[in-house]
Amino acid sequence: MLKPLALGLLALTTIPTVGSSALAQSALPADAVWQGAYIGADGGGTWRNGNYTYLPGGPSYTSSSSGGLAGAYTGLNWQSGNWVAGLEGDWTHTFMGGTNDLNMFSGRVRTGWTAGNYLLYATAGVATENRFFHVTKTSGAVTETFTDQQQHFGLIFGGGIEAKVSKQMSVRAEGLYFIGNKRTYDYPASPPFSASSIESDFTQAVVRAGLAYHLN
């Protein structure tokens, strides 16, 4: 799960030595240019904590889960001296197993400061993620599993470091934190089981490494 992150961090620590590698399409200037559009792919891991309450007024509990992820992103930068600001959108698929796999989309602003070929940045915006929740009910010798899917919306923020390894290629490592809103999961009656509902919200941490191609 963390292998993509480890590879990304290794790339960041070895950037000074890759000038003559196959990635070095042209010599890097003393200060890299970040202006323009870019596309990229990333991978890493995610950890989430959920809060659940049976309705109406039933017991509450918390649950944690984790998984690997992979995705793609695109964005546009504007640069003024050492300052860089931009917009970025991404899609992330989380591998939780079977029908528990999730898809998250986010739209964020980025702002950062460059030093040589490095860009240190903060980012914040909004995100949405589809979530599945399964409930297994038992009555005597009868057992049945019910599933509902809801779309959670919320705020996402974080930061990272990115580095140019050639004029048009960069690597990055970043961490994000997503706060999902409350949604209600409904399960219909299916004799001998009565209808039921569960209210849930969650927080989610994402750590990932990426590789991008810049169109400048």
Protein backbone atom coordinates (compact mmCIF):
# COMPACT_ATOMS: atom_id res chain seq x y z
CA MET A 1 0.00 0.00 0.00
CA LEU A 2 2.82 2.43 0.87
CA LYS A 3 5.17 1.28 -1.89
CA PRO A 4 4.13 4.12 -4.26
CA LEU A 5 4.74 6.63 -1.46
CA ALA A 6 8.14 5.18 -0.69
CA LEU A 7 9.12 5.39 -4.35
CA GLY A 8 7.98 9.00 -4.52
CA LEU A 9 9.97 9.97 -1.43
CA LEU A 10 13.02 8.16 -2.81
CA ALA A 11 12.68 10.16 -6.01
CA LEU A 12 12.56 13.41 -4.06
CA THR A 13 15.70 12.57 -2.12
CA THR A 14 17.65 11.63 -5.26
CA ILE A 15 16.63 14.50 -7.53
CA PRO A 16 20.09 16.14 -7.49
CA THR A 17 21.56 13.02 -9.10
CA VAL A 18 19.08 12.44 -11.92
CA GLY A 19 20.12 15.30 -14.20
CA SER A 20 21.77 12.87 -16.61
CA SER A 21 19.04 10.22 -16.44
CA ALA A 22 16.47 9.42 -19.11
CA LEU A 23 14.03 11.80 -17.41
CA ALA A 24 16.36 14.73 -17.99
CA GLN A 25 14.97 15.76 -21.36
CA SER A 26 16.77 19.10 -21.15
CA ALA A 27 18.99 20.88 -18.67
CA LEU A 28 17.13 22.40 -15.73
CA PRO A 29 17.47 26.13 -15.14
CA ALA A 30 18.64 27.41 -11.75
CA ASP A 31 14.97 28.11 -10.95
CA ALA A 32 12.39 25.79 -12.47
CA VAL A 33 9.40 27.20 -14.33
CA TRP A 34 6.04 26.03 -12.92
CA GLN A 35 3.78 28.19 -15.08
CA GLY A 36 1.21 26.31 -17.17
CA ALA A 37 -0.95 23.18 -17.28
CA TYR A 38 0.02 19.68 -16.17
CA ILE A 39 -1.36 16.12 -15.89
CA GLY A 40 -0.22 13.34 -13.58
CA ALA A 41 -0.83 10.02 -11.85
CA ASP A 42 -0.38 9.08 -8.20
CA GLY A 43 -0.66 6.28 -5.66
CA GLY A 44 -0.42 5.72 -1.93
CA GLY A 45 -2.57 4.87 1.09
CA THR A 46 -5.62 6.10 2.99
CA TRP A 47 -6.89 5.77 6.56
CA ARG A 48 -10.42 6.68 7.69
CA ASN A 49 -12.36 6.87 10.94
CA GLY A 50 -16.16 6.67 10.78
CA ASN A 51 -18.88 7.52 13.29
CA TYR A 52 -22.15 5.56 13.14
CA THR A 53 -25.49 5.99 14.92
CA TYR A 54 -28.52 3.73 14.62
CA LEU A 55 -31.72 5.74 14.05
CA PRO A 56 -33.84 6.78 15.74
CA GLY A 57 -31.85 7.40 18.90
CA GLY A 58 -30.03 4.07 18.87
CA PRO A 59 -26.50 3.22 19.99
CA SER A 60 -23.40 4.79 18.40
CA TYR A 61 -19.98 3.40 17.61
CA THR A 62 -16.80 4.19 15.66
CA SER A 63 -14.88 2.14 13.12
CA SER A 64 -11.55 2.47 11.31
CA SER A 65 -10.39 1.14 7.95
CA SER A 66 -7.51 1.56 5.53
CA GLY A 67 -6.56 0.73 1.95
CA GLY A 68 -4.34 1.47 -1.01
CA LEU A 69 -5.23 4.03 -3.66
CA ALA A 70 -4.37 5.14 -7.19
CA GLY A 71 -5.57 8.06 -9.23
CA ALA A 72 -4.96 10.87 -11.68
CA TYR A 73 -4.83 14.64 -11.44
CA THR A 74 -4.63 17.73 -13.63
CA GLY A 75 -4.13 21.39 -12.93
CA LEU A 76 -3.00 24.83 -14.01
CA ASN A 77 -0.31 26.99 -12.38
CA TRP A 78 0.36 30.72 -12.44
CA GLN A 79 3.81 31.87 -11.35
CA SER A 80 5.07 35.27 -10.21
CA GLY A 81 8.68 35.21 -9.09
CA ASN A 82 8.96 32.58 -6.37
CA TRP A 83 5.21 32.45 -5.77
CA VAL A 84 3.04 29.84 -7.48
CA ALA A 85 -0.76 29.65 -7.33
CA GLY A 86 -3.06 27.29 -9.19
CA LEU A 87 -6.13 25.11 -9.49
CA GLU A 88 -6.11 21.31 -9.35
CA GLY A 89 -8.68 18.55 -9.77
CA ASP A 90 -8.23 14.84 -9.11
CA TRP A 91 -9.89 11.44 -9.14
CA THR A 92 -8.83 8.79 -6.62
CA HIS A 93 -9.88 5.12 -6.49
CA THR A 94 -9.46 3.45 -3.11
CA PHE A 95 -9.02 -0.32 -3.01
CA MET A 96 -11.01 -1.55 -0.02
CA GLY A 97 -12.03 -4.89 -1.50
CA GLY A 98 -15.04 -5.90 -3.59
CA THR A 99 -18.04 -3.60 -3.39
CA ASN A 100 -16.25 -1.53 -0.73
CA ASP A 101 -14.04 0.16 -3.36
CA LEU A 102 -14.52 3.94 -3.28
CA ASN A 103 -14.10 6.84 -5.71
CA MET A 104 -13.22 10.34 -4.53
CA PHE A 105 -13.16 13.55 -6.56
CA SER A 106 -11.74 16.84 -5.33
CA GLY A 107 -11.26 20.38 -6.62
CA ARG A 108 -8.66 22.48 -4.83
CA VAL A 109 -6.61 25.66 -4.95
CA ARG A 110 -2.85 25.43 -4.46
CA THR A 111 -0.41 28.09 -3.38
CA GLY A 112 3.30 27.64 -2.83
CA TRP A 113 6.85 28.97 -2.78
CA THR A 114 9.64 27.80 -5.06
CA ALA A 115 13.28 27.32 -4.13
CA GLY A 116 15.45 26.15 -7.01
CA ASN A 117 13.70 23.15 -8.54
CA TYR A 118 11.47 22.56 -5.52
CA LEU A 119 7.91 23.75 -4.82
CA LEU A 120 6.55 23.67 -1.27
CA TYR A 121 2.76 24.12 -1.32
CA ALA A 122 -0.47 24.15 0.66
CA THR A 123 -3.82 23.15 -0.83
CA ALA A 124 -7.51 23.32 0.16
CA GLY A 125 -10.87 22.80 -1.48
CA VAL A 126 -13.92 20.55 -1.61
CA ALA A 127 -14.28 16.81 -2.22
CA THR A 128 -16.93 14.14 -2.64
CA GLU A 129 -16.66 10.39 -2.09
CA ASN A 130 -19.09 7.52 -2.62
CA ARG A 131 -19.30 5.12 0.32
CA PHE A 132 -20.93 1.73 0.81
CA PHE A 133 -22.17 0.50 4.16
CA HIS A 134 -23.22 -3.10 4.80
CA VAL A 135 -25.48 -4.28 7.63
CA THR A 136 -25.92 -7.97 8.44
CA LYS A 137 -29.10 -8.94 10.30
CA THR A 138 -29.94 -12.28 11.89
CA SER A 139 -33.32 -13.61 13.04
CA GLY A 140 -33.33 -17.22 14.12
CA ALA A 141 -31.89 -19.26 11.24
CA VAL A 142 -32.25 -16.38 8.75
CA THR A 143 -29.29 -14.10 8.02
CA GLU A 144 -29.34 -11.34 5.40
CA THR A 145 -26.92 -8.55 4.43
CA PHE A 146 -28.24 -5.15 3.36
CA THR A 147 -26.21 -2.53 1.48
CA ASP A 148 -26.74 1.16 0.84
CA GLN A 149 -24.55 3.71 -0.96
CA GLN A 150 -24.30 7.43 -0.20
CA GLN A 151 -22.25 10.35 -1.53
CA HIS A 152 -20.40 12.30 1.15
CA PHE A 153 -19.32 15.91 0.58
CA GLY A 154 -16.86 17.95 2.61
CA LEU A 155 -13.70 19.97 2.93
CA ILE A 156 -10.24 18.70 1.99
CA PHE A 157 -6.91 20.34 2.80
CA GLY A 158 -3.23 19.54 3.15
CA GLY A 159 0.14 20.20 1.57
CA GLY A 160 3.19 18.69 -0.05
CA ILE A 161 6.47 19.11 -1.82
CA GLU A 162 7.06 18.84 -5.57
CA ALA A 163 10.31 18.87 -7.52
CA LYS A 164 11.20 19.19 -11.19
CA VAL A 165 13.37 16.33 -12.47
CA SER A 166 13.42 17.73 -16.00
CA LYS A 167 11.91 20.73 -17.76
CA GLN A 168 8.56 18.95 -18.18
CA MET A 169 8.54 16.22 -15.49
CA SER A 170 8.04 16.55 -11.74
CA VAL A 171 7.56 14.24 -8.75
CA ARG A 172 5.60 15.02 -5.61
CA ALA A 173 4.69 13.70 -2.17
CA GLU A 174 1.63 15.08 -0.38
CA GLY A 175 -0.76 14.52 2.48
CA LEU A 176 -4.48 15.44 2.52
CA TYR A 177 -7.23 15.38 5.14
CA PHE A 178 -10.90 15.02 4.17
CA ILE A 179 -13.85 15.76 6.49
CA GLY A 180 -16.99 14.09 5.10
CA ASN A 181 -20.48 15.29 6.02
CA LYS A 182 -23.24 13.25 7.66
CA ARG A 183 -25.41 11.02 5.50
CA THR A 184 -28.14 8.53 6.35
CA TYR A 185 -28.02 4.95 5.08
CA ASP A 186 -31.47 3.34 4.76
CA TYR A 187 -32.22 -0.38 4.69
CA PRO A 188 -35.74 -1.46 3.61
CA ALA A 189 -37.91 -3.96 5.42
CA SER A 190 -37.43 -7.58 4.35
CA PRO A 191 -39.44 -9.98 6.56
CA PRO A 192 -38.56 -11.09 9.11
CA PHE A 193 -36.41 -7.92 9.28
CA SER A 194 -37.86 -4.45 9.79
CA ALA A 195 -36.58 -1.29 8.09
CA SER A 196 -33.62 0.47 9.70
CA SER A 197 -31.32 3.48 9.19
CA ILE A 198 -27.78 4.43 10.20
CA GLU A 199 -26.34 7.96 10.23
CA SER A 200 -22.63 8.26 9.45
CA ASP A 201 -19.86 10.80 8.98
CA PHE A 202 -16.09 10.29 8.78
CA THR A 203 -12.62 11.78 8.51
CA GLN A 204 -10.02 10.48 6.09
CA ALA A 205 -6.25 10.92 5.75
CA VAL A 206 -4.55 10.42 2.39
CA VAL A 207 -0.81 10.08 1.76
CA ARG A 208 0.37 9.69 -1.83
CA ALA A 209 3.20 10.23 -4.30
CA GLY A 210 2.77 11.39 -7.90
CA LEU A 211 4.49 11.92 -11.22
CA ALA A 212 3.38 14.77 -13.52
CA TYR A 213 4.02 15.98 -17.06
CA HIS A 214 4.04 19.77 -17.55
CA LEU A 215 2.85 21.26 -20.83
CA ASN A 216 5.05 24.37 -20.61
